[in-house]
N, C-alpha and C. Protein backbone atom coordinates (compact mmCIF):
# COMPACT_ATOMS: atom_id res chain seq x y z
N UNK A 1 4.07 -22.48 11.43
CA UNK A 1 4.68 -21.20 11.71
C UNK A 1 6.05 -21.41 12.31
N UNK A 2 6.98 -20.64 11.86
CA UNK A 2 8.33 -20.73 12.39
C UNK A 2 8.52 -19.70 13.50
N UNK A 3 9.64 -19.82 14.20
CA UNK A 3 9.96 -18.86 15.24
C UNK A 3 10.12 -17.46 14.68
N UNK A 4 10.66 -17.35 13.47
CA UNK A 4 10.82 -16.02 12.88
C UNK A 4 9.47 -15.41 12.51
N UNK A 5 8.49 -16.25 12.12
CA UNK A 5 7.15 -15.74 11.85
C UNK A 5 6.55 -15.16 13.14
N UNK A 6 6.72 -15.87 14.24
CA UNK A 6 6.21 -15.39 15.52
C UNK A 6 6.88 -14.06 15.89
N UNK A 7 8.19 -13.96 15.70
CA UNK A 7 8.90 -12.71 15.98
C UNK A 7 8.42 -11.59 15.08
N UNK A 8 8.18 -11.89 13.80
CA UNK A 8 7.69 -10.87 12.87
C UNK A 8 6.30 -10.39 13.27
N UNK A 9 5.45 -11.30 13.70
CA UNK A 9 4.11 -10.90 14.15
C UNK A 9 4.23 -10.06 15.41
N UNK A 10 5.12 -10.43 16.30
CA UNK A 10 5.36 -9.68 17.53
C UNK A 10 5.79 -8.25 17.20
N UNK A 11 6.75 -8.12 16.31
CA UNK A 11 7.25 -6.79 15.91
C UNK A 11 6.18 -5.97 15.18
N UNK A 12 5.47 -6.63 14.27
CA UNK A 12 4.42 -5.92 13.52
C UNK A 12 3.33 -5.42 14.46
N UNK A 13 2.99 -6.23 15.45
CA UNK A 13 1.99 -5.83 16.44
C UNK A 13 2.45 -4.59 17.20
N UNK A 14 3.68 -4.62 17.67
CA UNK A 14 4.22 -3.49 18.42
C UNK A 14 4.27 -2.23 17.56
N UNK A 15 4.75 -2.38 16.33
CA UNK A 15 4.85 -1.23 15.42
C UNK A 15 3.48 -0.62 15.15
N UNK A 16 2.49 -1.47 14.87
CA UNK A 16 1.14 -0.98 14.58
C UNK A 16 0.56 -0.25 15.79
N UNK A 17 0.77 -0.80 16.98
CA UNK A 17 0.24 -0.16 18.18
C UNK A 17 0.91 1.18 18.44
N UNK A 18 2.23 1.22 18.31
CA UNK A 18 2.97 2.46 18.57
C UNK A 18 2.68 3.55 17.54
N UNK A 19 2.22 3.17 16.36
CA UNK A 19 1.89 4.15 15.32
C UNK A 19 0.54 4.84 15.55
N UNK A 20 -0.25 4.34 16.48
CA UNK A 20 -1.57 4.93 16.74
C UNK A 20 -1.39 6.22 17.54
N UNK A 21 -1.97 7.32 17.07
CA UNK A 21 -1.89 8.56 17.84
C UNK A 21 -2.47 8.36 19.24
N UNK A 22 -1.74 8.84 20.22
CA UNK A 22 -2.19 8.71 21.60
C UNK A 22 -1.48 7.61 22.36
N UNK A 23 -0.81 6.70 21.65
CA UNK A 23 -0.03 5.66 22.32
C UNK A 23 1.36 6.22 22.57
N UNK A 24 1.74 6.30 23.84
CA UNK A 24 3.03 6.84 24.22
C UNK A 24 4.09 5.74 24.22
N UNK A 25 3.70 4.57 24.74
CA UNK A 25 4.64 3.45 24.85
C UNK A 25 3.85 2.18 25.09
N UNK A 26 4.57 1.07 25.06
CA UNK A 26 3.97 -0.22 25.41
C UNK A 26 4.50 -0.60 26.78
N UNK A 27 3.62 -1.11 27.61
CA UNK A 27 3.98 -1.45 29.00
C UNK A 27 4.42 -2.90 29.08
N UNK A 28 5.66 -3.12 29.46
CA UNK A 28 6.11 -4.51 29.60
C UNK A 28 5.49 -5.16 30.84
N UNK A 29 5.25 -6.44 30.74
CA UNK A 29 4.79 -7.20 31.89
C UNK A 29 6.00 -7.48 32.78
N UNK A 30 5.75 -7.93 33.99
CA UNK A 30 6.83 -8.21 34.92
C UNK A 30 7.81 -9.22 34.34
N UNK A 31 7.30 -10.25 33.69
CA UNK A 31 8.18 -11.27 33.10
C UNK A 31 9.09 -10.65 32.04
N UNK A 32 8.55 -9.71 31.25
CA UNK A 32 9.36 -9.02 30.24
C UNK A 32 10.47 -8.22 30.90
N UNK A 33 10.12 -7.53 31.97
CA UNK A 33 11.12 -6.72 32.67
C UNK A 33 12.23 -7.57 33.24
N UNK A 34 11.85 -8.67 33.87
CA UNK A 34 12.86 -9.56 34.45
C UNK A 34 13.75 -10.17 33.38
N UNK A 35 13.15 -10.61 32.27
CA UNK A 35 13.93 -11.19 31.18
C UNK A 35 14.88 -10.16 30.59
N UNK A 36 14.42 -8.95 30.42
CA UNK A 36 15.26 -7.90 29.84
C UNK A 36 16.41 -7.57 30.79
N UNK A 37 16.10 -7.51 32.09
CA UNK A 37 17.15 -7.23 33.06
C UNK A 37 18.20 -8.34 33.07
N UNK A 38 17.75 -9.59 33.01
CA UNK A 38 18.68 -10.71 32.98
C UNK A 38 19.52 -10.68 31.70
N UNK A 39 18.90 -10.34 30.58
CA UNK A 39 19.63 -10.25 29.31
C UNK A 39 20.70 -9.17 29.38
N UNK A 40 20.36 -8.05 29.98
CA UNK A 40 21.33 -6.96 30.08
C UNK A 40 22.53 -7.37 30.91
N UNK A 41 22.28 -8.04 32.01
CA UNK A 41 23.38 -8.50 32.86
C UNK A 41 24.25 -9.47 32.08
N UNK A 42 23.62 -10.44 31.40
CA UNK A 42 24.38 -11.42 30.64
C UNK A 42 25.18 -10.75 29.53
N UNK A 43 24.54 -9.85 28.80
CA UNK A 43 25.23 -9.16 27.71
C UNK A 43 26.39 -8.32 28.22
N UNK A 44 26.17 -7.63 29.33
CA UNK A 44 27.22 -6.79 29.88
C UNK A 44 28.44 -7.63 30.23
N UNK A 45 28.21 -8.81 30.76
CA UNK A 45 29.32 -9.69 31.11
C UNK A 45 29.94 -10.29 29.86
N UNK A 46 29.10 -10.76 28.93
CA UNK A 46 29.60 -11.47 27.75
C UNK A 46 30.13 -10.55 26.65
N UNK A 47 29.43 -9.45 26.40
CA UNK A 47 29.80 -8.63 25.25
C UNK A 47 30.11 -7.18 25.59
N UNK A 48 29.84 -6.79 26.80
CA UNK A 48 30.13 -5.42 27.18
C UNK A 48 29.14 -4.41 26.64
N UNK A 49 27.96 -4.85 26.20
CA UNK A 49 26.97 -3.91 25.69
C UNK A 49 25.59 -4.34 26.13
N UNK A 50 24.66 -3.38 26.02
CA UNK A 50 23.27 -3.68 26.32
C UNK A 50 22.43 -3.30 25.12
N UNK A 51 21.22 -3.82 25.06
CA UNK A 51 20.34 -3.50 23.94
C UNK A 51 18.92 -3.88 24.24
N UNK A 52 18.03 -3.46 23.37
CA UNK A 52 16.60 -3.75 23.52
C UNK A 52 16.28 -5.06 22.82
N UNK A 53 15.57 -5.92 23.49
CA UNK A 53 15.23 -7.23 22.92
C UNK A 53 13.73 -7.36 22.78
N UNK A 54 13.25 -7.47 21.55
CA UNK A 54 11.84 -7.70 21.33
C UNK A 54 11.01 -6.47 21.64
N UNK A 55 9.74 -6.64 21.58
CA UNK A 55 8.82 -5.54 21.82
C UNK A 55 8.06 -5.83 23.10
N UNK A 56 8.46 -5.18 24.17
CA UNK A 56 7.77 -5.36 25.43
C UNK A 56 6.35 -4.84 25.29
N UNK A 57 5.45 -5.38 26.07
CA UNK A 57 4.07 -4.93 26.03
C UNK A 57 3.23 -5.68 25.03
N UNK A 58 3.79 -6.66 24.36
CA UNK A 58 3.04 -7.45 23.37
C UNK A 58 3.21 -8.93 23.71
N UNK A 59 2.12 -9.64 23.67
CA UNK A 59 2.16 -11.09 23.86
C UNK A 59 1.43 -11.74 22.69
N UNK A 60 2.09 -12.67 22.02
CA UNK A 60 1.53 -13.37 20.87
C UNK A 60 1.41 -14.85 21.19
N UNK A 61 0.27 -15.40 20.87
CA UNK A 61 0.06 -16.83 21.11
C UNK A 61 -0.69 -17.45 19.93
N UNK A 62 -0.17 -18.54 19.44
CA UNK A 62 -0.84 -19.31 18.40
C UNK A 62 -1.61 -20.41 19.12
N UNK A 63 -2.93 -20.37 19.02
CA UNK A 63 -3.76 -21.34 19.73
C UNK A 63 -3.71 -22.69 19.04
N UNK A 64 -4.09 -23.76 19.74
CA UNK A 64 -4.12 -25.09 19.12
C UNK A 64 -5.04 -25.14 17.89
N UNK A 65 -6.03 -24.27 17.84
CA UNK A 65 -6.94 -24.23 16.70
C UNK A 65 -6.36 -23.49 15.51
N UNK A 66 -5.15 -22.92 15.67
CA UNK A 66 -4.50 -22.22 14.56
C UNK A 66 -4.82 -20.75 14.47
N UNK A 67 -5.44 -20.17 15.50
CA UNK A 67 -5.76 -18.75 15.52
C UNK A 67 -4.68 -18.01 16.31
N UNK A 68 -4.49 -16.75 16.00
CA UNK A 68 -3.55 -15.92 16.72
C UNK A 68 -4.30 -15.11 17.77
N UNK A 69 -3.78 -15.12 18.98
CA UNK A 69 -4.32 -14.31 20.08
C UNK A 69 -3.22 -13.34 20.47
N UNK A 70 -3.49 -12.05 20.34
CA UNK A 70 -2.50 -11.01 20.62
C UNK A 70 -2.98 -10.14 21.77
N UNK A 71 -2.09 -9.86 22.68
CA UNK A 71 -2.38 -8.95 23.79
C UNK A 71 -1.42 -7.78 23.71
N UNK A 72 -1.96 -6.57 23.81
CA UNK A 72 -1.16 -5.36 23.72
C UNK A 72 -1.44 -4.52 24.97
N UNK A 73 -0.38 -4.15 25.69
CA UNK A 73 -0.50 -3.33 26.89
C UNK A 73 0.07 -1.95 26.59
N UNK A 74 -0.80 -0.93 26.62
CA UNK A 74 -0.42 0.42 26.18
C UNK A 74 -0.41 1.43 27.30
N UNK A 75 0.51 2.38 27.18
CA UNK A 75 0.53 3.59 27.99
C UNK A 75 0.08 4.71 27.05
N UNK A 76 -0.93 5.47 27.48
CA UNK A 76 -1.53 6.47 26.59
C UNK A 76 -1.26 7.89 27.04
N UNK A 77 -1.32 8.79 26.08
CA UNK A 77 -1.27 10.22 26.33
C UNK A 77 -2.60 10.60 26.98
N UNK A 78 -2.53 11.35 28.07
CA UNK A 78 -3.74 11.71 28.81
C UNK A 78 -4.69 12.62 28.01
N UNK A 79 -4.20 13.19 26.94
CA UNK A 79 -5.03 14.09 26.14
C UNK A 79 -5.86 13.37 25.08
N UNK A 80 -5.85 12.06 25.08
CA UNK A 80 -6.64 11.26 24.15
C UNK A 80 -7.63 10.41 24.93
N UNK A 81 -8.77 10.16 24.33
CA UNK A 81 -9.76 9.27 24.97
C UNK A 81 -9.27 7.84 24.88
N UNK A 82 -9.16 7.20 26.04
CA UNK A 82 -8.61 5.84 26.10
C UNK A 82 -9.41 4.87 25.25
N UNK A 83 -10.73 4.96 25.28
CA UNK A 83 -11.54 4.01 24.52
C UNK A 83 -11.30 4.14 23.02
N UNK A 84 -11.16 5.38 22.54
CA UNK A 84 -10.93 5.59 21.11
C UNK A 84 -9.56 5.06 20.69
N UNK A 85 -8.54 5.33 21.50
CA UNK A 85 -7.19 4.86 21.18
C UNK A 85 -7.14 3.33 21.23
N UNK A 86 -7.74 2.73 22.24
CA UNK A 86 -7.73 1.27 22.36
C UNK A 86 -8.43 0.61 21.18
N UNK A 87 -9.54 1.17 20.75
CA UNK A 87 -10.24 0.62 19.57
C UNK A 87 -9.37 0.71 18.33
N UNK A 88 -8.71 1.85 18.16
CA UNK A 88 -7.85 2.02 16.98
C UNK A 88 -6.66 1.06 17.03
N UNK A 89 -6.07 0.89 18.21
CA UNK A 89 -4.96 -0.06 18.35
C UNK A 89 -5.45 -1.45 17.96
N UNK A 90 -6.60 -1.85 18.48
CA UNK A 90 -7.13 -3.19 18.18
C UNK A 90 -7.32 -3.38 16.68
N UNK A 91 -7.93 -2.42 16.03
CA UNK A 91 -8.19 -2.55 14.59
C UNK A 91 -6.91 -2.49 13.76
N UNK A 92 -6.01 -1.57 14.09
CA UNK A 92 -4.76 -1.45 13.33
C UNK A 92 -3.88 -2.69 13.48
N UNK A 93 -3.82 -3.23 14.69
CA UNK A 93 -3.03 -4.44 14.92
C UNK A 93 -3.65 -5.61 14.16
N UNK A 94 -4.96 -5.77 14.26
CA UNK A 94 -5.63 -6.87 13.55
C UNK A 94 -5.40 -6.77 12.04
N UNK A 95 -5.53 -5.58 11.50
CA UNK A 95 -5.33 -5.37 10.06
C UNK A 95 -3.89 -5.68 9.66
N UNK A 96 -2.93 -5.21 10.44
CA UNK A 96 -1.51 -5.42 10.14
C UNK A 96 -1.14 -6.89 10.18
N UNK A 97 -1.56 -7.59 11.22
CA UNK A 97 -1.20 -9.00 11.37
C UNK A 97 -1.92 -9.85 10.33
N UNK A 98 -3.17 -9.53 10.04
CA UNK A 98 -3.91 -10.26 9.01
C UNK A 98 -3.22 -10.10 7.65
N UNK A 99 -2.75 -8.89 7.35
CA UNK A 99 -2.04 -8.64 6.08
C UNK A 99 -0.73 -9.42 6.05
N UNK A 100 -0.01 -9.46 7.17
CA UNK A 100 1.24 -10.22 7.22
C UNK A 100 0.97 -11.70 6.97
N UNK A 101 -0.04 -12.24 7.62
CA UNK A 101 -0.37 -13.65 7.44
C UNK A 101 -0.77 -13.94 5.99
N UNK A 102 -1.50 -13.03 5.37
CA UNK A 102 -1.90 -13.21 3.98
C UNK A 102 -0.67 -13.22 3.07
N UNK A 103 0.31 -12.36 3.35
CA UNK A 103 1.54 -12.35 2.56
C UNK A 103 2.29 -13.67 2.69
N UNK A 104 2.19 -14.30 3.85
CA UNK A 104 2.86 -15.57 4.09
C UNK A 104 2.05 -16.75 3.56
N UNK A 105 0.85 -16.48 3.07
CA UNK A 105 0.01 -17.53 2.53
C UNK A 105 -0.71 -18.34 3.58
N UNK A 106 -0.84 -17.78 4.78
CA UNK A 106 -1.56 -18.48 5.85
C UNK A 106 -2.66 -17.58 6.37
N UNK A 107 -3.88 -17.99 6.14
CA UNK A 107 -5.01 -17.24 6.67
C UNK A 107 -5.38 -17.85 8.02
N UNK A 108 -5.42 -17.02 9.04
CA UNK A 108 -5.77 -17.48 10.37
C UNK A 108 -6.55 -16.38 11.08
N UNK A 109 -7.51 -16.76 11.90
CA UNK A 109 -8.22 -15.74 12.68
C UNK A 109 -7.25 -15.02 13.62
N UNK A 110 -7.49 -13.73 13.81
CA UNK A 110 -6.64 -12.91 14.69
C UNK A 110 -7.54 -12.20 15.68
N UNK A 111 -7.30 -12.43 16.98
CA UNK A 111 -8.00 -11.67 18.01
C UNK A 111 -6.98 -10.80 18.72
N UNK A 112 -7.42 -9.59 19.07
CA UNK A 112 -6.53 -8.63 19.71
C UNK A 112 -7.22 -8.11 20.97
N UNK A 113 -6.51 -8.17 22.07
CA UNK A 113 -6.98 -7.61 23.34
C UNK A 113 -6.04 -6.47 23.69
N UNK A 114 -6.61 -5.29 23.95
CA UNK A 114 -5.81 -4.12 24.30
C UNK A 114 -6.10 -3.74 25.75
N UNK A 115 -5.05 -3.56 26.51
CA UNK A 115 -5.17 -3.13 27.88
C UNK A 115 -4.45 -1.80 28.03
N UNK A 116 -5.16 -0.81 28.55
CA UNK A 116 -4.54 0.48 28.85
C UNK A 116 -4.05 0.40 30.28
N UNK A 117 -2.73 0.45 30.46
CA UNK A 117 -2.16 0.28 31.79
C UNK A 117 -2.06 1.59 32.56
N UNK A 118 -1.90 2.70 31.84
CA UNK A 118 -1.89 4.01 32.49
C UNK A 118 -1.89 5.10 31.43
N UNK A 119 -2.08 6.35 31.90
CA UNK A 119 -2.00 7.50 31.03
C UNK A 119 -0.97 8.45 31.62
N UNK A 120 -0.31 9.18 30.75
CA UNK A 120 0.71 10.14 31.19
C UNK A 120 0.45 11.50 30.59
């Protein structure tokens, strides 16, 4: 797997999660927030602009056994049942990433863990 494959899986995971009804946003982890803040400072100094980097709230890991482990941290709409939305996120992300891997000619197990961080 190349770095661009990892980035594509990261983006596909975020897109699939955000497309699920009831998902308002993805919750970045503290490390994501710090990295994004540092990037903004660097960009502001170097290029005079800021921008969004990657999909916060998603963590992708390729295990030594060749399986993908994905973690998705979601903020949900309070008018949806959290368990139903989390299940749908898990299934939609797994389906999306499995299809991407099949297109690339690499079949690998995909596990998805969804954490609901809050509701709004």
